[in-house]
Amino acid sequence: MVVEALRCNSMASRASNEQGSTGCQVLIDARRESDPVDERAIIARCLAGERRPYSVLVERYKVLVHDLVSRMLGDTSDAEDIAQDAFVKAYLSLRDFRGESRFSTWVCRIALNRCKDVLRKQRRAPWTRPRQEDGPDVAEVPDDQETVVDSLERCEREARLHRALARLPVKYREAVVLRHIEGMEFHEIGRVLAIAAGAAKVRAFRGREMLRRILERDGALR
């Protein structure tokens, strides 16, 4: 049930990024649609002095990176700026990209490191969202069949999930986000986190179990 909740929450966020609304809509994962050979050709053109081809990579992975950053920080207020910073840093460091992994893996690693820097500097708990006096915004309903009550209940489930994720240690939270929200394979997660694939699998499993226990204690899985 924890995994299903994470996946639904992930799809809602991606729909929000694409459409400016909140909802559980399955979107195409551009990361899996990309061609590594095509990526290397684009990067080669960038290294040759062309700037325009880089926008193809930004467009291809901007939702992925924005989604990852917003989930690690717990809100979207800084996500756009940090995601842009990650792409800028990746562009300036293109000569260091060896092509041993996908470009998406590399830029996600840069974004994650930037998130950790922000969390250390701000010394705030990730996933803490500003409390809205008027309650959750239910005006943006993704499904015409969803009632106001359904929307409120969905928002409350997501809020409980956010609070539970906030209580995970960073190393387990990032593994859970990459595996169960972004849908990465363990070898890819290992490359992002600079650990072995087996270690990535262990972290994702332990993180999911921690999350399950937190939700059970809070009564969110009853």
C-alpha atoms as a PDB file:
ATOM      1  CA  MET A   1       0.000   0.000   0.000  1.00  0.00           C
ATOM      2  CA  VAL A   2       2.915   2.326   0.735  1.00  0.00           C
ATOM      3  CA  VAL A   3       4.287   1.801  -2.779  1.00  0.00           C
ATOM      4  CA  GLU A   4       0.901   2.442  -4.382  1.00  0.00           C
ATOM      5  CA  ALA A   5       0.542   5.663  -2.408  1.00  0.00           C
ATOM      6  CA  LEU A   6       3.979   6.804  -3.491  1.00  0.00           C
ATOM      7  CA  ARG A   7       3.271   6.035  -7.124  1.00  0.00           C
ATOM      8  CA  CYS A   8      -0.058   7.841  -7.077  1.00  0.00           C
ATOM      9  CA  ASN A   9       1.539  10.825  -5.380  1.00  0.00           C
ATOM     10  CA  SER A  10       4.297  10.805  -8.012  1.00  0.00           C
ATOM     11  CA  MET A  11       1.832  10.820 -10.895  1.00  0.00           C
ATOM     12  CA  ALA A  12      -0.095  13.656  -9.269  1.00  0.00           C
ATOM     13  CA  SER A  13       3.050  15.750  -9.011  1.00  0.00           C
ATOM     14  CA  ARG A  14       4.076  15.110 -12.614  1.00  0.00           C
ATOM     15  CA  ALA A  15       0.596  16.023 -13.815  1.00  0.00           C
ATOM     16  CA  SER A  16       0.860  19.211 -11.787  1.00  0.00           C
ATOM     17  CA  ASN A  17       4.192  20.086 -13.351  1.00  0.00           C
ATOM     18  CA  GLU A  18       2.895  19.448 -16.853  1.00  0.00           C
ATOM     19  CA  GLN A  19      -0.576  20.936 -16.539  1.00  0.00           C
ATOM     20  CA  GLY A  20      -0.422  23.327 -13.578  1.00  0.00           C
ATOM     21  CA  SER A  21      -2.911  21.215 -11.629  1.00  0.00           C
ATOM     22  CA  THR A  22      -2.941  18.329  -9.192  1.00  0.00           C
ATOM     23  CA  GLY A  23      -4.048  14.858 -10.161  1.00  0.00           C
ATOM     24  CA  CYS A  24      -3.180  11.186 -10.655  1.00  0.00           C
ATOM     25  CA  GLN A  25      -2.405  11.038 -14.329  1.00  0.00           C
ATOM     26  CA  VAL A  26       0.120   8.709 -15.933  1.00  0.00           C
ATOM     27  CA  LEU A  27       2.623  10.614 -18.031  1.00  0.00           C
ATOM     28  CA  ILE A  28       5.292   9.329 -20.394  1.00  0.00           C
ATOM     29  CA  ASP A  29       8.659   8.964 -18.663  1.00  0.00           C
ATOM     30  CA  ALA A  30      10.982  10.814 -21.010  1.00  0.00           C
ATOM     31  CA  ARG A  31      13.965   9.331 -19.225  1.00  0.00           C
ATOM     32  CA  ARG A  32      13.046   5.903 -20.540  1.00  0.00           C
ATOM     33  CA  GLU A  33      12.220   7.281 -23.983  1.00  0.00           C
ATOM     34  CA  SER A  34      15.684   8.767 -24.474  1.00  0.00           C
ATOM     35  CA  ASP A  35      18.357   7.253 -26.667  1.00  0.00           C
ATOM     36  CA  PRO A  36      21.873   7.232 -25.114  1.00  0.00           C
ATOM     37  CA  VAL A  37      23.432   7.478 -28.576  1.00  0.00           C
ATOM     38  CA  ASP A  38      21.301  10.521 -29.319  1.00  0.00           C
ATOM     39  CA  GLU A  39      22.330  12.045 -25.979  1.00  0.00           C
ATOM     40  CA  ARG A  40      26.011  11.579 -26.736  1.00  0.00           C
ATOM     41  CA  ALA A  41      25.504  13.260 -30.117  1.00  0.00           C
ATOM     42  CA  ILE A  42      23.770  16.216 -28.462  1.00  0.00           C
ATOM     43  CA  ILE A  43      26.527  16.554 -25.875  1.00  0.00           C
ATOM     44  CA  ALA A  44      29.192  16.342 -28.593  1.00  0.00           C
ATOM     45  CA  ARG A  45      27.543  19.266 -30.399  1.00  0.00           C
ATOM     46  CA  CYS A  46      27.452  21.257 -27.162  1.00  0.00           C
ATOM     47  CA  LEU A  47      31.138  20.597 -26.557  1.00  0.00           C
ATOM     48  CA  ALA A  48      31.810  21.748 -30.118  1.00  0.00           C
ATOM     49  CA  GLY A  49      30.408  25.156 -29.226  1.00  0.00           C
ATOM     50  CA  GLU A  50      26.692  24.870 -30.011  1.00  0.00           C
ATOM     51  CA  ARG A  51      24.330  25.947 -27.249  1.00  0.00           C
ATOM     52  CA  ARG A  52      20.926  25.259 -28.761  1.00  0.00           C
ATOM     53  CA  PRO A  53      21.126  21.411 -28.605  1.00  0.00           C
ATOM     54  CA  TYR A  54      21.397  21.558 -24.815  1.00  0.00           C
ATOM     55  CA  SER A  55      17.830  22.843 -24.624  1.00  0.00           C
ATOM     56  CA  VAL A  56      16.727  19.435 -25.923  1.00  0.00           C
ATOM     57  CA  LEU A  57      18.183  17.772 -22.818  1.00  0.00           C
ATOM     58  CA  VAL A  58      16.665  20.406 -20.541  1.00  0.00           C
ATOM     59  CA  GLU A  59      13.233  19.946 -22.094  1.00  0.00           C
ATOM     60  CA  ARG A  60      13.563  16.186 -21.903  1.00  0.00           C
ATOM     61  CA  TYR A  61      14.412  16.015 -18.211  1.00  0.00           C
ATOM     62  CA  LYS A  62      13.076  19.219 -16.649  1.00  0.00           C
ATOM     63  CA  VAL A  63      10.011  17.516 -15.135  1.00  0.00           C
ATOM     64  CA  LEU A  64      12.118  14.681 -13.740  1.00  0.00           C
ATOM     65  CA  VAL A  65      14.603  17.026 -12.067  1.00  0.00           C
ATOM     66  CA  HIS A  66      11.958  19.469 -10.803  1.00  0.00           C
ATOM     67  CA  ASP A  67       9.950  16.578  -9.354  1.00  0.00           C
ATOM     68  CA  LEU A  68      13.017  15.131  -7.625  1.00  0.00           C
ATOM     69  CA  VAL A  69      14.034  18.467  -6.111  1.00  0.00           C
ATOM     70  CA  SER A  70      10.563  19.377  -4.875  1.00  0.00           C
ATOM     71  CA  ARG A  71      10.189  16.002  -3.167  1.00  0.00           C
ATOM     72  CA  MET A  72      13.560  16.181  -1.478  1.00  0.00           C
ATOM     73  CA  LEU A  73      12.908  19.697  -0.171  1.00  0.00           C
ATOM     74  CA  GLY A  74       9.248  19.160   0.634  1.00  0.00           C
ATOM     75  CA  ASP A  75       7.828  22.056  -1.352  1.00  0.00           C
ATOM     76  CA  THR A  76       8.090  23.633  -4.777  1.00  0.00           C
ATOM     77  CA  SER A  77       9.012  27.185  -3.774  1.00  0.00           C
ATOM     78  CA  ASP A  78      12.725  26.658  -4.466  1.00  0.00           C
ATOM     79  CA  ALA A  79      12.464  23.681  -6.796  1.00  0.00           C
ATOM     80  CA  GLU A  80      12.502  25.610 -10.071  1.00  0.00           C
ATOM     81  CA  ASP A  81      15.583  27.651  -9.174  1.00  0.00           C
ATOM     82  CA  ILE A  82      17.496  24.642  -7.888  1.00  0.00           C
ATOM     83  CA  ALA A  83      16.537  22.554 -10.920  1.00  0.00           C
ATOM     84  CA  GLN A  84      17.776  25.346 -13.177  1.00  0.00           C
ATOM     85  CA  ASP A  85      21.001  25.541 -11.168  1.00  0.00           C
ATOM     86  CA  ALA A  86      21.510  21.812 -11.680  1.00  0.00           C
ATOM     87  CA  PHE A  87      21.133  22.127 -15.456  1.00  0.00           C
ATOM     88  CA  VAL A  88      23.474  25.113 -15.546  1.00  0.00           C
ATOM     89  CA  LYS A  89      26.104  23.278 -13.526  1.00  0.00           C
ATOM     90  CA  ALA A  90      25.712  20.219 -15.744  1.00  0.00           C
ATOM     91  CA  TYR A  91      26.197  22.367 -18.839  1.00  0.00           C
ATOM     92  CA  LEU A  92      29.310  24.024 -17.456  1.00  0.00           C
ATOM     93  CA  SER A  93      30.700  20.612 -16.512  1.00  0.00           C
ATOM     94  CA  LEU A  94      29.814  18.756 -19.714  1.00  0.00           C
ATOM     95  CA  ARG A  95      33.468  17.953 -20.368  1.00  0.00           C
ATOM     96  CA  ASP A  96      33.468  15.939 -17.137  1.00  0.00           C
ATOM     97  CA  PHE A  97      30.538  13.802 -18.316  1.00  0.00           C
ATOM     98  CA  ARG A  98      32.053  10.459 -19.318  1.00  0.00           C
ATOM     99  CA  GLY A  99      28.908   8.879 -20.723  1.00  0.00           C
ATOM    100  CA  GLU A 100      29.096   5.903 -18.346  1.00  0.00           C
ATOM    101  CA  SER A 101      25.505   6.574 -17.328  1.00  0.00           C
ATOM    102  CA  ARG A 102      22.580   8.450 -18.824  1.00  0.00           C
ATOM    103  CA  PHE A 103      22.648  12.219 -18.750  1.00  0.00           C
ATOM    104  CA  SER A 104      19.493  12.089 -16.608  1.00  0.00           C
ATOM    105  CA  THR A 105      21.338  10.054 -13.976  1.00  0.00           C
ATOM    106  CA  TRP A 106      24.166  12.564 -13.934  1.00  0.00           C
ATOM    107  CA  VAL A 107      21.987  15.672 -13.677  1.00  0.00           C
ATOM    108  CA  CYS A 108      19.884  14.011 -10.943  1.00  0.00           C
ATOM    109  CA  ARG A 109      23.053  13.440  -8.923  1.00  0.00           C
ATOM    110  CA  ILE A 110      23.926  17.131  -9.306  1.00  0.00           C
ATOM    111  CA  ALA A 111      20.396  18.130  -8.244  1.00  0.00           C
ATOM    112  CA  LEU A 112      20.463  15.837  -5.202  1.00  0.00           C
ATOM    113  CA  ASN A 113      23.776  17.254  -4.043  1.00  0.00           C
ATOM    114  CA  ARG A 114      22.347  20.753  -4.409  1.00  0.00           C
ATOM    115  CA  CYS A 115      19.321  19.733  -2.312  1.00  0.00           C
ATOM    116  CA  LYS A 116      21.587  18.442   0.443  1.00  0.00           C
ATOM    117  CA  ASP A 117      23.497  21.729   0.425  1.00  0.00           C
ATOM    118  CA  VAL A 118      20.261  23.675   0.772  1.00  0.00           C
ATOM    119  CA  LEU A 119      19.016  21.484   3.621  1.00  0.00           C
ATOM    120  CA  ARG A 120      22.282  21.824   5.497  1.00  0.00           C
ATOM    121  CA  LYS A 121      22.335  25.612   5.112  1.00  0.00           C
ATOM    122  CA  GLN A 122      18.721  26.173   6.006  1.00  0.00           C
ATOM    123  CA  ARG A 123      18.753  23.604   8.806  1.00  0.00           C
ATOM    124  CA  ARG A 124      15.090  22.923   8.261  1.00  0.00           C
ATOM    125  CA  ALA A 125      13.151  19.693   8.120  1.00  0.00           C
ATOM    126  CA  PRO A 126      12.485  18.632   4.524  1.00  0.00           C
ATOM    127  CA  TRP A 127       8.904  18.033   3.482  1.00  0.00           C
ATOM    128  CA  THR A 128       7.625  20.738   5.839  1.00  0.00           C
ATOM    129  CA  ARG A 129       5.011  22.723   3.980  1.00  0.00           C
ATOM    130  CA  PRO A 130       3.465  26.052   4.994  1.00  0.00           C
ATOM    131  CA  ARG A 131       0.185  25.584   6.753  1.00  0.00           C
ATOM    132  CA  GLN A 132      -2.698  27.116   4.854  1.00  0.00           C
ATOM    133  CA  GLU A 133      -5.349  28.664   7.056  1.00  0.00           C
ATOM    134  CA  ASP A 134      -8.033  27.919   4.535  1.00  0.00           C
ATOM    135  CA  GLY A 135      -7.030  24.278   4.217  1.00  0.00           C
ATOM    136  CA  PRO A 136      -5.960  22.483   1.037  1.00  0.00           C
ATOM    137  CA  ASP A 137      -6.803  23.960  -2.310  1.00  0.00           C
ATOM    138  CA  VAL A 138      -9.639  21.894  -3.731  1.00  0.00           C
ATOM    139  CA  ALA A 139     -10.454  24.164  -6.624  1.00  0.00           C
ATOM    140  CA  GLU A 140      -8.090  22.339  -8.954  1.00  0.00           C
ATOM    141  CA  VAL A 141      -9.762  18.968  -9.357  1.00  0.00           C
ATOM    142  CA  PRO A 142      -8.077  16.730 -11.950  1.00  0.00           C
ATOM    143  CA  ASP A 143     -10.993  14.387 -12.481  1.00  0.00           C
ATOM    144  CA  ASP A 144     -14.411  15.703 -13.381  1.00  0.00           C
ATOM    145  CA  GLN A 145     -15.890  12.873 -11.304  1.00  0.00           C
ATOM    146  CA  GLU A 146     -13.917  13.761  -8.153  1.00  0.00           C
ATOM    147  CA  THR A 147     -16.018  15.491  -5.526  1.00  0.00           C
ATOM    148  CA  VAL A 148     -14.834  18.145  -3.100  1.00  0.00           C
ATOM    149  CA  VAL A 149     -14.860  15.517  -0.330  1.00  0.00           C
ATOM    150  CA  ASP A 150     -12.755  13.160  -2.449  1.00  0.00           C
ATOM    151  CA  SER A 151     -10.303  15.956  -3.144  1.00  0.00           C
ATOM    152  CA  LEU A 152     -10.016  16.811   0.552  1.00  0.00           C
ATOM    153  CA  GLU A 153      -9.425  13.171   1.460  1.00  0.00           C
ATOM    154  CA  ARG A 154      -6.769  12.825  -1.255  1.00  0.00           C
ATOM    155  CA  CYS A 155      -4.989  15.968  -0.069  1.00  0.00           C
ATOM    156  CA  GLU A 156      -5.013  14.688   3.497  1.00  0.00           C
ATOM    157  CA  ARG A 157      -3.536  11.325   2.423  1.00  0.00           C
ATOM    158  CA  GLU A 158      -0.775  13.138   0.553  1.00  0.00           C
ATOM    159  CA  ALA A 159      -0.108  15.358   3.569  1.00  0.00           C
ATOM    160  CA  ARG A 160       0.267  12.302   5.815  1.00  0.00           C
ATOM    161  CA  LEU A 161       2.671  10.774   3.319  1.00  0.00           C
ATOM    162  CA  HIS A 162       4.715  13.993   3.175  1.00  0.00           C
ATOM    163  CA  ARG A 163       4.951  14.129   6.964  1.00  0.00           C
ATOM    164  CA  ALA A 164       6.057  10.501   7.101  1.00  0.00           C
ATOM    165  CA  LEU A 165       8.715  11.027   4.442  1.00  0.00           C
ATOM    166  CA  ALA A 166      10.008  14.027   6.409  1.00  0.00           C
ATOM    167  CA  ARG A 167      10.913  11.682   9.238  1.00  0.00           C
ATOM    168  CA  LEU A 168      13.104   9.430   7.117  1.00  0.00           C
ATOM    169  CA  PRO A 169      16.884   9.962   7.225  1.00  0.00           C
ATOM    170  CA  VAL A 170      18.022  11.692   4.038  1.00  0.00           C
ATOM    171  CA  LYS A 171      19.880   8.666   2.654  1.00  0.00           C
ATOM    172  CA  TYR A 172      16.756   6.518   2.903  1.00  0.00           C
ATOM    173  CA  ARG A 173      14.416   9.250   1.689  1.00  0.00           C
ATOM    174  CA  GLU A 174      16.420   9.827  -1.468  1.00  0.00           C
ATOM    175  CA  ALA A 175      16.495   6.076  -2.183  1.00  0.00           C
ATOM    176  CA  VAL A 176      12.719   5.812  -1.680  1.00  0.00           C
ATOM    177  CA  VAL A 177      12.081   8.841  -3.901  1.00  0.00           C
ATOM    178  CA  LEU A 178      14.344   7.584  -6.685  1.00  0.00           C
ATOM    179  CA  ARG A 179      12.990   4.032  -6.613  1.00  0.00           C
ATOM    180  CA  HIS A 180       9.307   4.291  -5.767  1.00  0.00           C
ATOM    181  CA  ILE A 181       8.492   7.764  -7.091  1.00  0.00           C
ATOM    182  CA  GLU A 182      10.898   8.312  -9.967  1.00  0.00           C
ATOM    183  CA  GLY A 183      10.898   4.604 -10.861  1.00  0.00           C
ATOM    184  CA  MET A 184      14.638   4.222 -11.338  1.00  0.00           C
ATOM    185  CA  GLU A 185      16.324   0.827 -11.504  1.00  0.00           C
ATOM    186  CA  PHE A 186      18.718  -0.048  -8.695  1.00  0.00           C
ATOM    187  CA  HIS A 187      21.827   0.198 -10.863  1.00  0.00           C
ATOM    188  CA  GLU A 188      20.728   3.679 -11.908  1.00  0.00           C
ATOM    189  CA  ILE A 189      20.041   4.700  -8.311  1.00  0.00           C
ATOM    190  CA  GLY A 190      23.480   3.438  -7.401  1.00  0.00           C
ATOM    191  CA  ARG A 191      25.033   5.699  -9.997  1.00  0.00           C
ATOM    192  CA  VAL A 192      23.064   8.709  -8.794  1.00  0.00           C
ATOM    193  CA  LEU A 193      24.020   8.106  -5.154  1.00  0.00           C
ATOM    194  CA  ALA A 194      27.529   6.840  -5.943  1.00  0.00           C
ATOM    195  CA  ILE A 195      26.904   3.500  -4.210  1.00  0.00           C
ATOM    196  CA  ALA A 196      26.633  -0.101  -5.382  1.00  0.00           C
ATOM    197  CA  ALA A 197      23.343  -1.304  -6.870  1.00  0.00           C
ATOM    198  CA  GLY A 198      22.989  -3.780  -3.998  1.00  0.00           C
ATOM    199  CA  ALA A 199      23.390  -1.000  -1.453  1.00  0.00           C
ATOM    200  CA  ALA A 200      20.785   1.060  -3.312  1.00  0.00           C
ATOM    201  CA  LYS A 201      18.361  -1.864  -3.124  1.00  0.00           C
ATOM    202  CA  VAL A 202      18.946  -2.217   0.610  1.00  0.00           C
ATOM    203  CA  ARG A 203      18.408   1.490   1.224  1.00  0.00           C
ATOM    204  CA  ALA A 204      15.205   1.563  -0.798  1.00  0.00           C
ATOM    205  CA  PHE A 205      13.857  -1.503   1.034  1.00  0.00           C
ATOM    206  CA  ARG A 206      14.775  -0.206   4.479  1.00  0.00           C
ATOM    207  CA  GLY A 207      13.413   3.224   3.660  1.00  0.00           C
ATOM    208  CA  ARG A 208      10.119   1.755   2.494  1.00  0.00           C
ATOM    209  CA  GLU A 209       9.854  -0.335   5.670  1.00  0.00           C
ATOM    210  CA  MET A 210      10.596   2.702   7.831  1.00  0.00           C
ATOM    211  CA  LEU A 211       7.944   4.634   5.954  1.00  0.00           C
ATOM    212  CA  ARG A 212       5.436   1.821   6.389  1.00  0.00           C
ATOM    213  CA  ARG A 213       6.034   1.682  10.160  1.00  0.00           C
ATOM    214  CA  ILE A 214       5.686   5.456  10.485  1.00  0.00           C
ATOM    215  CA  LEU A 215       2.412   5.433   8.565  1.00  0.00           C
ATOM    216  CA  GLU A 216       1.118   2.521  10.639  1.00  0.00           C
ATOM    217  CA  ARG A 217       1.949   4.311  13.888  1.00  0.00           C
ATOM    218  CA  ASP A 218       0.171   7.400  12.606  1.00  0.00           C
ATOM    219  CA  GLY A 219      -2.840   5.342  11.599  1.00  0.00           C
ATOM    220  CA  ALA A 220      -2.501   6.273   7.923  1.00  0.00           C
ATOM    221  CA  LEU A 221      -2.646   2.654   6.713  1.00  0.00           C
ATOM    222  CA  ARG A 222      -5.703   1.608   8.677  1.00  0.00           C
END
